[in-house]
C-alpha atoms as a PDB file:
ATOM      1  CA  UNK A   1      68.799  94.383 144.579  1.00  0.00           C
ATOM      2  CA  UNK A   2      65.204  95.581 144.895  1.00  0.00           C
ATOM      3  CA  UNK A   3      62.532  96.644 147.369  1.00  0.00           C
ATOM      4  CA  UNK A   4      60.018  93.905 148.226  1.00  0.00           C
ATOM      5  CA  UNK A   5      56.506  94.247 149.626  1.00  0.00           C
ATOM      6  CA  UNK A   6      53.347  92.089 149.825  1.00  0.00           C
ATOM      7  CA  UNK A   7      51.659  94.107 147.063  1.00  0.00           C
ATOM      8  CA  UNK A   8      53.217  96.939 145.087  1.00  0.00           C
ATOM      9  CA  UNK A   9      50.565  97.085 142.376  1.00  0.00           C
ATOM     10  CA  UNK A  10      49.631 100.610 141.197  1.00  0.00           C
ATOM     11  CA  UNK A  11      46.181 100.566 142.829  1.00  0.00           C
ATOM     12  CA  UNK A  12      47.673 100.037 146.263  1.00  0.00           C
ATOM     13  CA  UNK A  13      50.276 102.802 146.002  1.00  0.00           C
ATOM     14  CA  UNK A  14      47.532 105.424 146.556  1.00  0.00           C
ATOM     15  CA  UNK A  15      47.429 104.477 150.228  1.00  0.00           C
ATOM     16  CA  UNK A  16      50.906 105.904 150.623  1.00  0.00           C
ATOM     17  CA  UNK A  17      49.583 109.428 150.028  1.00  0.00           C
ATOM     18  CA  UNK A  18      47.704 109.416 153.324  1.00  0.00           C
ATOM     19  CA  UNK A  19      49.575 111.482 155.951  1.00  0.00           C
ATOM     20  CA  UNK A  20      48.509 109.007 158.606  1.00  0.00           C
ATOM     21  CA  UNK A  21      50.109 105.988 156.882  1.00  0.00           C
ATOM     22  CA  UNK A  22      52.621 104.294 159.142  1.00  0.00           C
ATOM     23  CA  UNK A  23      54.769 101.623 157.521  1.00  0.00           C
ATOM     24  CA  UNK A  24      57.049  99.072 159.123  1.00  0.00           C
ATOM     25  CA  UNK A  25      60.220  98.138 157.276  1.00  0.00           C
ATOM     26  CA  UNK A  26      62.169  94.984 158.003  1.00  0.00           C
ATOM     27  CA  UNK A  27      65.874  94.734 157.367  1.00  0.00           C
ATOM     28  CA  UNK A  28      69.126  93.122 158.345  1.00  0.00           C
ATOM     29  CA  UNK A  29      71.813  95.730 158.809  1.00  0.00           C
ATOM     30  CA  UNK A  30      75.251  94.848 157.559  1.00  0.00           C
ATOM     31  CA  UNK A  31      78.312  96.870 156.749  1.00  0.00           C
ATOM     32  CA  UNK A  32      77.921  97.578 153.056  1.00  0.00           C
ATOM     33  CA  UNK A  33      76.887 100.344 150.697  1.00  0.00           C
ATOM     34  CA  UNK A  34      73.189  99.445 151.037  1.00  0.00           C
ATOM     35  CA  UNK A  35      72.659  99.863 154.758  1.00  0.00           C
ATOM     36  CA  UNK A  36      75.127 100.850 157.454  1.00  0.00           C
ATOM     37  CA  UNK A  37      74.240 101.073 161.144  1.00  0.00           C
ATOM     38  CA  UNK A  38      76.181 104.133 162.244  1.00  0.00           C
ATOM     39  CA  UNK A  39      75.152 104.184 165.888  1.00  0.00           C
ATOM     40  CA  UNK A  40      74.017 100.727 167.050  1.00  0.00           C
ATOM     41  CA  UNK A  41      70.588 101.318 165.502  1.00  0.00           C
ATOM     42  CA  UNK A  42      69.912 104.493 167.449  1.00  0.00           C
ATOM     43  CA  UNK A  43      68.036 106.080 164.602  1.00  0.00           C
ATOM     44  CA  UNK A  44      71.065 106.846 162.456  1.00  0.00           C
ATOM     45  CA  UNK A  45      71.184 104.541 159.489  1.00  0.00           C
ATOM     46  CA  UNK A  46      72.828 105.340 156.165  1.00  0.00           C
ATOM     47  CA  UNK A  47      73.175 103.654 152.822  1.00  0.00           C
ATOM     48  CA  UNK A  48      71.488 103.464 149.426  1.00  0.00           C
ATOM     49  CA  UNK A  49      68.460 101.584 150.752  1.00  0.00           C
ATOM     50  CA  UNK A  50      67.783 104.049 153.565  1.00  0.00           C
ATOM     51  CA  UNK A  51      68.300 107.042 151.275  1.00  0.00           C
ATOM     52  CA  UNK A  52      65.786 105.713 148.769  1.00  0.00           C
ATOM     53  CA  UNK A  53      63.243 104.916 151.484  1.00  0.00           C
ATOM     54  CA  UNK A  54      63.596 108.359 153.031  1.00  0.00           C
ATOM     55  CA  UNK A  55      63.117 110.048 149.658  1.00  0.00           C
ATOM     56  CA  UNK A  56      60.034 107.960 148.875  1.00  0.00           C
ATOM     57  CA  UNK A  57      58.503 108.705 152.285  1.00  0.00           C
ATOM     58  CA  UNK A  58      59.006 112.437 151.804  1.00  0.00           C
ATOM     59  CA  UNK A  59      57.477 112.445 148.344  1.00  0.00           C
ATOM     60  CA  UNK A  60      54.493 110.244 149.257  1.00  0.00           C
ATOM     61  CA  UNK A  61      54.075 111.654 152.770  1.00  0.00           C
ATOM     62  CA  UNK A  62      54.282 108.657 155.066  1.00  0.00           C
ATOM     63  CA  UNK A  63      56.397 107.647 158.037  1.00  0.00           C
ATOM     64  CA  UNK A  64      58.138 104.343 158.656  1.00  0.00           C
ATOM     65  CA  UNK A  65      59.786 102.315 161.375  1.00  0.00           C
ATOM     66  CA  UNK A  66      62.858 100.161 160.823  1.00  0.00           C
ATOM     67  CA  UNK A  67      63.394  96.716 162.286  1.00  0.00           C
ATOM     68  CA  UNK A  68      66.999  95.750 162.786  1.00  0.00           C
ATOM     69  CA  UNK A  69      66.684  91.948 162.695  1.00  0.00           C
ATOM     70  CA  UNK A  70      63.821  89.512 162.072  1.00  0.00           C
ATOM     71  CA  UNK A  71      62.885  87.398 165.113  1.00  0.00           C
ATOM     72  CA  UNK A  72      64.246  84.164 163.654  1.00  0.00           C
ATOM     73  CA  UNK A  73      67.442  85.777 162.332  1.00  0.00           C
ATOM     74  CA  UNK A  74      66.997  84.365 158.816  1.00  0.00           C
ATOM     75  CA  UNK A  75      67.395  86.254 155.571  1.00  0.00           C
ATOM     76  CA  UNK A  76      64.547  84.911 153.481  1.00  0.00           C
ATOM     77  CA  UNK A  77      64.209  81.224 152.683  1.00  0.00           C
ATOM     78  CA  UNK A  78      61.406  78.854 151.744  1.00  0.00           C
ATOM     79  CA  UNK A  79      61.561  76.000 154.271  1.00  0.00           C
ATOM     80  CA  UNK A  80      58.959  73.215 154.215  1.00  0.00           C
ATOM     81  CA  UNK A  81      56.612  75.390 152.182  1.00  0.00           C
ATOM     82  CA  UNK A  82      56.784  78.375 154.551  1.00  0.00           C
ATOM     83  CA  UNK A  83      58.800  81.543 154.246  1.00  0.00           C
ATOM     84  CA  UNK A  84      61.105  82.440 157.120  1.00  0.00           C
ATOM     85  CA  UNK A  85      63.294  85.420 157.880  1.00  0.00           C
ATOM     86  CA  UNK A  86      62.627  89.021 156.963  1.00  0.00           C
ATOM     87  CA  UNK A  87      61.084  88.006 153.624  1.00  0.00           C
ATOM     88  CA  UNK A  88      58.685  85.765 155.562  1.00  0.00           C
ATOM     89  CA  UNK A  89      57.532  88.769 157.586  1.00  0.00           C
ATOM     90  CA  UNK A  90      56.678  90.568 154.371  1.00  0.00           C
ATOM     91  CA  UNK A  91      54.857  87.530 152.949  1.00  0.00           C
ATOM     92  CA  UNK A  92      52.785  87.217 156.143  1.00  0.00           C
ATOM     93  CA  UNK A  93      52.166  91.002 156.022  1.00  0.00           C
ATOM     94  CA  UNK A  94      53.773  91.504 159.405  1.00  0.00           C
ATOM     95  CA  UNK A  95      55.927  94.158 157.711  1.00  0.00           C
ATOM     96  CA  UNK A  96      55.108  96.430 154.806  1.00  0.00           C
ATOM     97  CA  UNK A  97      58.455  96.759 153.098  1.00  0.00           C
ATOM     98  CA  UNK A  98      61.775  95.018 152.851  1.00  0.00           C
ATOM     99  CA  UNK A  99      64.864  96.990 151.887  1.00  0.00           C
ATOM    100  CA  UNK A 100      68.073  95.047 151.623  1.00  0.00           C
ATOM    101  CA  UNK A 101      70.360  93.221 149.271  1.00  0.00           C
ATOM    102  CA  UNK A 102      67.894  90.556 148.194  1.00  0.00           C
ATOM    103  CA  UNK A 103      68.684  88.307 145.243  1.00  0.00           C
ATOM    104  CA  UNK A 104      65.754  88.184 142.825  1.00  0.00           C
ATOM    105  CA  UNK A 105      64.978  84.487 142.265  1.00  0.00           C
ATOM    106  CA  UNK A 106      61.818  82.786 141.051  1.00  0.00           C
ATOM    107  CA  UNK A 107      60.464  81.656 144.454  1.00  0.00           C
ATOM    108  CA  UNK A 108      60.866  85.099 145.961  1.00  0.00           C
ATOM    109  CA  UNK A 109      59.456  86.764 142.855  1.00  0.00           C
ATOM    110  CA  UNK A 110      56.291  84.679 143.068  1.00  0.00           C
ATOM    111  CA  UNK A 111      55.871  85.254 146.807  1.00  0.00           C
ATOM    112  CA  UNK A 112      56.188  89.055 146.864  1.00  0.00           C
ATOM    113  CA  UNK A 113      56.195  92.086 144.583  1.00  0.00           C
ATOM    114  CA  UNK A 114      59.680  93.400 143.860  1.00  0.00           C
ATOM    115  CA  UNK A 115      60.441  96.892 142.709  1.00  0.00           C
ATOM    116  CA  UNK A 116      62.618  97.573 139.686  1.00  0.00           C
ATOM    117  CA  UNK A 117      66.117  96.260 140.545  1.00  0.00           C
ATOM    118  CA  UNK A 118      68.501  99.107 141.298  1.00  0.00           C
ATOM    119  CA  UNK A 119      71.687  97.103 141.750  1.00  0.00           C
ATOM    120  CA  UNK A 120      73.118  93.925 140.279  1.00  0.00           C
ATOM    121  CA  UNK A 121      75.951  91.833 141.619  1.00  0.00           C
ATOM    122  CA  UNK A 122      77.973  89.020 140.107  1.00  0.00           C
ATOM    123  CA  UNK A 123      80.231  86.200 141.148  1.00  0.00           C
ATOM    124  CA  UNK A 124      83.266  84.894 139.349  1.00  0.00           C
ATOM    125  CA  UNK A 125      85.856  82.148 139.553  1.00  0.00           C
ATOM    126  CA  UNK A 126      89.489  83.256 139.489  1.00  0.00           C
ATOM    127  CA  UNK A 127      92.208  80.842 138.418  1.00  0.00           C
ATOM    128  CA  UNK A 128      95.945  81.218 138.197  1.00  0.00           C
ATOM    129  CA  UNK A 129      97.287  81.746 134.685  1.00  0.00           C
ATOM    130  CA  UNK A 130      99.003  78.465 133.758  1.00  0.00           C
ATOM    131  CA  UNK A 131     102.748  78.804 133.138  1.00  0.00           C
ATOM    132  CA  UNK A 132     104.120  78.182 129.633  1.00  0.00           C
ATOM    133  CA  UNK A 133     105.517  74.788 128.744  1.00  0.00           C
ATOM    134  CA  UNK A 134     109.292  74.315 129.199  1.00  0.00           C
ATOM    135  CA  UNK A 135     111.073  75.433 126.033  1.00  0.00           C
ATOM    136  CA  UNK A 136     113.283  72.355 125.987  1.00  0.00           C
ATOM    137  CA  UNK A 137     110.165  70.255 125.327  1.00  0.00           C
ATOM    138  CA  UNK A 138     109.207  72.281 122.261  1.00  0.00           C
ATOM    139  CA  UNK A 139     110.207  69.410 119.971  1.00  0.00           C
ATOM    140  CA  UNK A 140     107.015  67.518 120.823  1.00  0.00           C
ATOM    141  CA  UNK A 141     104.578  70.467 120.909  1.00  0.00           C
ATOM    142  CA  UNK A 142     104.020  70.943 117.146  1.00  0.00           C
ATOM    143  CA  UNK A 143     101.785  67.839 117.032  1.00  0.00           C
ATOM    144  CA  UNK A 144      99.102  66.582 119.356  1.00  0.00           C
ATOM    145  CA  UNK A 145      99.630  63.198 121.059  1.00  0.00           C
ATOM    146  CA  UNK A 146      97.109  61.589 118.717  1.00  0.00           C
ATOM    147  CA  UNK A 147      99.086  62.823 115.697  1.00  0.00           C
ATOM    148  CA  UNK A 148     102.330  61.417 117.098  1.00  0.00           C
ATOM    149  CA  UNK A 149     100.600  58.075 117.700  1.00  0.00           C
ATOM    150  CA  UNK A 150      99.236  58.085 114.140  1.00  0.00           C
ATOM    151  CA  UNK A 151     102.686  58.863 112.690  1.00  0.00           C
ATOM    152  CA  UNK A 152     104.256  56.031 114.677  1.00  0.00           C
ATOM    153  CA  UNK A 153     101.541  53.592 113.585  1.00  0.00           C
ATOM    154  CA  UNK A 154     101.773  54.569 109.915  1.00  0.00           C
ATOM    155  CA  UNK A 155     105.582  54.355 109.982  1.00  0.00           C
ATOM    156  CA  UNK A 156     105.430  50.866 111.454  1.00  0.00           C
ATOM    157  CA  UNK A 157     102.845  49.726 108.904  1.00  0.00           C
ATOM    158  CA  UNK A 158     104.817  51.192 105.992  1.00  0.00           C
ATOM    159  CA  UNK A 159     107.982  49.515 107.256  1.00  0.00           C
ATOM    160  CA  UNK A 160     106.312  46.093 107.355  1.00  0.00           C
ATOM    161  CA  UNK A 161     104.886  46.466 103.841  1.00  0.00           C
ATOM    162  CA  UNK A 162     108.113  47.822 102.364  1.00  0.00           C
ATOM    163  CA  UNK A 163     110.166  45.114 104.044  1.00  0.00           C
ATOM    164  CA  UNK A 164     107.940  42.501 102.438  1.00  0.00           C
ATOM    165  CA  UNK A 165     108.455  44.144  99.032  1.00  0.00           C
ATOM    166  CA  UNK A 166     112.257  44.144  99.214  1.00  0.00           C
ATOM    167  CA  UNK A 167     112.679  40.618 100.562  1.00  0.00           C
ATOM    168  CA  UNK A 168     113.739  39.300  97.130  1.00  0.00           C
ATOM    169  CA  UNK A 169     116.728  41.691  97.037  1.00  0.00           C
ATOM    170  CA  UNK A 170     117.582  42.918 100.563  1.00  0.00           C
ATOM    171  CA  UNK A 171     121.247  43.460  99.715  1.00  0.00           C
ATOM    172  CA  UNK A 172     120.335  46.710  97.969  1.00  0.00           C
ATOM    173  CA  UNK A 173     119.640  48.313 101.345  1.00  0.00           C
ATOM    174  CA  UNK A 174     121.543  46.173 103.848  1.00  0.00           C
ATOM    175  CA  UNK A 175     125.063  44.843 103.885  1.00  0.00           C
ATOM    176  CA  UNK A 176     123.759  41.927 105.928  1.00  0.00           C
ATOM    177  CA  UNK A 177     120.341  40.279 106.267  1.00  0.00           C
ATOM    178  CA  UNK A 178     117.921  43.048 107.253  1.00  0.00           C
ATOM    179  CA  UNK A 179     114.823  43.037 109.421  1.00  0.00           C
ATOM    180  CA  UNK A 180     111.745  45.228 109.920  1.00  0.00           C
ATOM    181  CA  UNK A 181     113.560  47.450 112.430  1.00  0.00           C
ATOM    182  CA  UNK A 182     116.319  48.173 109.913  1.00  0.00           C
ATOM    183  CA  UNK A 183     113.688  48.981 107.267  1.00  0.00           C
ATOM    184  CA  UNK A 184     111.935  51.350 109.697  1.00  0.00           C
ATOM    185  CA  UNK A 185     115.191  53.216 110.337  1.00  0.00           C
ATOM    186  CA  UNK A 186     115.884  53.465 106.604  1.00  0.00           C
ATOM    187  CA  UNK A 187     112.387  54.842 105.855  1.00  0.00           C
ATOM    188  CA  UNK A 188     112.706  57.353 108.718  1.00  0.00           C
ATOM    189  CA  UNK A 189     115.469  59.103 106.752  1.00  0.00           C
ATOM    190  CA  UNK A 190     112.794  60.779 104.640  1.00  0.00           C
ATOM    191  CA  UNK A 191     111.240  62.351 107.744  1.00  0.00           C
ATOM    192  CA  UNK A 192     114.629  63.878 108.588  1.00  0.00           C
ATOM    193  CA  UNK A 193     115.192  65.192 105.036  1.00  0.00           C
ATOM    194  CA  UNK A 194     118.029  62.765 104.395  1.00  0.00           C
ATOM    195  CA  UNK A 195     118.507  61.431 100.892  1.00  0.00           C
ATOM    196  CA  UNK A 196     118.627  57.756  99.941  1.00  0.00           C
ATOM    197  CA  UNK A 197     121.741  56.707  98.019  1.00  0.00           C
ATOM    198  CA  UNK A 198     120.315  53.361  96.950  1.00  0.00           C
ATOM    199  CA  UNK A 199     116.787  52.485  95.859  1.00  0.00           C
ATOM    200  CA  UNK A 200     115.545  48.891  95.498  1.00  0.00           C
ATOM    201  CA  UNK A 201     114.448  47.808  92.035  1.00  0.00           C
ATOM    202  CA  UNK A 202     112.026  45.117  93.173  1.00  0.00           C
ATOM    203  CA  UNK A 203     108.572  45.191  91.615  1.00  0.00           C
ATOM    204  CA  UNK A 204     106.306  47.767  93.247  1.00  0.00           C
ATOM    205  CA  UNK A 205     109.012  49.243  95.503  1.00  0.00           C
ATOM    206  CA  UNK A 206     109.597  52.512  93.701  1.00  0.00           C
ATOM    207  CA  UNK A 207     105.897  53.659  93.404  1.00  0.00           C
ATOM    208  CA  UNK A 208     105.403  52.720  97.038  1.00  0.00           C
ATOM    209  CA  UNK A 209     108.568  54.568  98.023  1.00  0.00           C
ATOM    210  CA  UNK A 210     107.596  57.660  96.019  1.00  0.00           C
ATOM    211  CA  UNK A 211     104.236  57.803  97.811  1.00  0.00           C
ATOM    212  CA  UNK A 212     105.936  57.502 101.186  1.00  0.00           C
ATOM    213  CA  UNK A 213     108.468  60.205 100.368  1.00  0.00           C
ATOM    214  CA  UNK A 214     105.682  62.599  99.341  1.00  0.00           C
ATOM    215  CA  UNK A 215     103.797  61.935 102.591  1.00  0.00           C
ATOM    216  CA  UNK A 216     107.012  62.327 104.597  1.00  0.00           C
ATOM    217  CA  UNK A 217     107.706  65.669 102.876  1.00  0.00           C
ATOM    218  CA  UNK A 218     104.265  67.028 103.815  1.00  0.00           C
ATOM    219  CA  UNK A 219     104.551  65.714 107.360  1.00  0.00           C
ATOM    220  CA  UNK A 220     108.062  67.067 107.980  1.00  0.00           C
ATOM    221  CA  UNK A 221     107.224  70.461 106.472  1.00  0.00           C
ATOM    222  CA  UNK A 222     104.187  70.769 108.732  1.00  0.00           C
ATOM    223  CA  UNK A 223     106.298  69.824 111.737  1.00  0.00           C
ATOM    224  CA  UNK A 224     109.007  72.391 110.967  1.00  0.00           C
ATOM    225  CA  UNK A 225     106.422  75.140 110.489  1.00  0.00           C
ATOM    226  CA  UNK A 226     104.667  74.360 113.774  1.00  0.00           C
ATOM    227  CA  UNK A 227     108.002  74.088 115.558  1.00  0.00           C
ATOM    228  CA  UNK A 228     109.053  77.557 114.418  1.00  0.00           C
ATOM    229  CA  UNK A 229     105.690  78.938 115.523  1.00  0.00           C
ATOM    230  CA  UNK A 230     105.914  77.310 118.959  1.00  0.00           C
ATOM    231  CA  UNK A 231     109.426  78.666 119.465  1.00  0.00           C
ATOM    232  CA  UNK A 232     108.363  82.155 118.383  1.00  0.00           C
ATOM    233  CA  UNK A 233     105.221  82.286 120.562  1.00  0.00           C
ATOM    234  CA  UNK A 234     105.538  80.204 123.764  1.00  0.00           C
ATOM    235  CA  UNK A 235     102.817  77.599 124.082  1.00  0.00           C
ATOM    236  CA  UNK A 236     100.651  77.950 127.195  1.00  0.00           C
ATOM    237  CA  UNK A 237      99.191  75.109 129.181  1.00  0.00           C
ATOM    238  CA  UNK A 238      95.560  74.347 128.477  1.00  0.00           C
ATOM    239  CA  UNK A 239      93.197  76.314 130.695  1.00  0.00           C
ATOM    240  CA  UNK A 240      90.049  75.082 132.388  1.00  0.00           C
ATOM    241  CA  UNK A 241      87.182  75.901 130.043  1.00  0.00           C
ATOM    242  CA  UNK A 242      84.085  74.567 131.826  1.00  0.00           C
ATOM    243  CA  UNK A 243      82.622  74.008 135.295  1.00  0.00           C
ATOM    244  CA  UNK A 244      82.827  70.258 134.715  1.00  0.00           C
ATOM    245  CA  UNK A 245      86.601  70.459 134.202  1.00  0.00           C
ATOM    246  CA  UNK A 246      86.888  72.619 137.308  1.00  0.00           C
ATOM    247  CA  UNK A 247      84.882  70.103 139.356  1.00  0.00           C
ATOM    248  CA  UNK A 248      87.162  67.224 138.376  1.00  0.00           C
ATOM    249  CA  UNK A 249      90.394  69.188 138.695  1.00  0.00           C
ATOM    250  CA  UNK A 250      92.760  68.957 141.669  1.00  0.00           C
ATOM    251  CA  UNK A 251      92.656  72.699 142.350  1.00  0.00           C
ATOM    252  CA  UNK A 252      92.130  73.810 145.926  1.00  0.00           C
ATOM    253  CA  UNK A 253      89.200  76.070 146.745  1.00  0.00           C
ATOM    254  CA  UNK A 254      89.636  79.433 148.470  1.00  0.00           C
ATOM    255  CA  UNK A 255      86.355  81.178 149.273  1.00  0.00           C
ATOM    256  CA  UNK A 256      86.514  84.872 150.059  1.00  0.00           C
ATOM    257  CA  UNK A 257      83.540  86.285 151.929  1.00  0.00           C
ATOM    258  CA  UNK A 258      83.038  90.012 152.273  1.00  0.00           C
END
């Protein structure tokens, strides 16, 4: 918030020292800390803005008159190249000062001279804290969906390759004629830390199986560690992290004006 005038350059401040100076101040009174109309604008106005103006007038020896509302009732907008509202009165030099809560933006800064800002305000977006995930679903939280999809794809590919390797001697693993699904179940034992009682002796099976068991050990160990961590510290739902996510979300808007 700042005081605005047509020209607040140092050379023009000297005019304020004249005891005959009579300044007209435009404003819009509203119930806040800046300006409060205590008696229907009967000369009793309080607030930070009025206190500052009164102090300045006493120190520089000038009088002033307050205007309650601009004729058009606007705040200060640039419409079709012309300023309207109380800021428009200052731009057209119909009034000498403007004291109010006026946001300092580029168009207004170029149109008038603002004093040093003496108050800053901010706006924020408040969202509900997302609830934690249900604990009974903790078995799937250690890995992201893409990791689960990759594990499923790799397991299927390994099962097809291994099944092709053991086709010459399937009886080592199956009591009957096996298929890819049976091979997939047998290879999944390594992910569950279950031992294999029989190992095929077909060419290339054992190096391939050793590589798979090593990968399964790393994968299962990572899963167990992440599972313990997720059970120890409950996992929270992902929060909205950008305005773009907020715009495309299904959240309802509640605007509080004060």
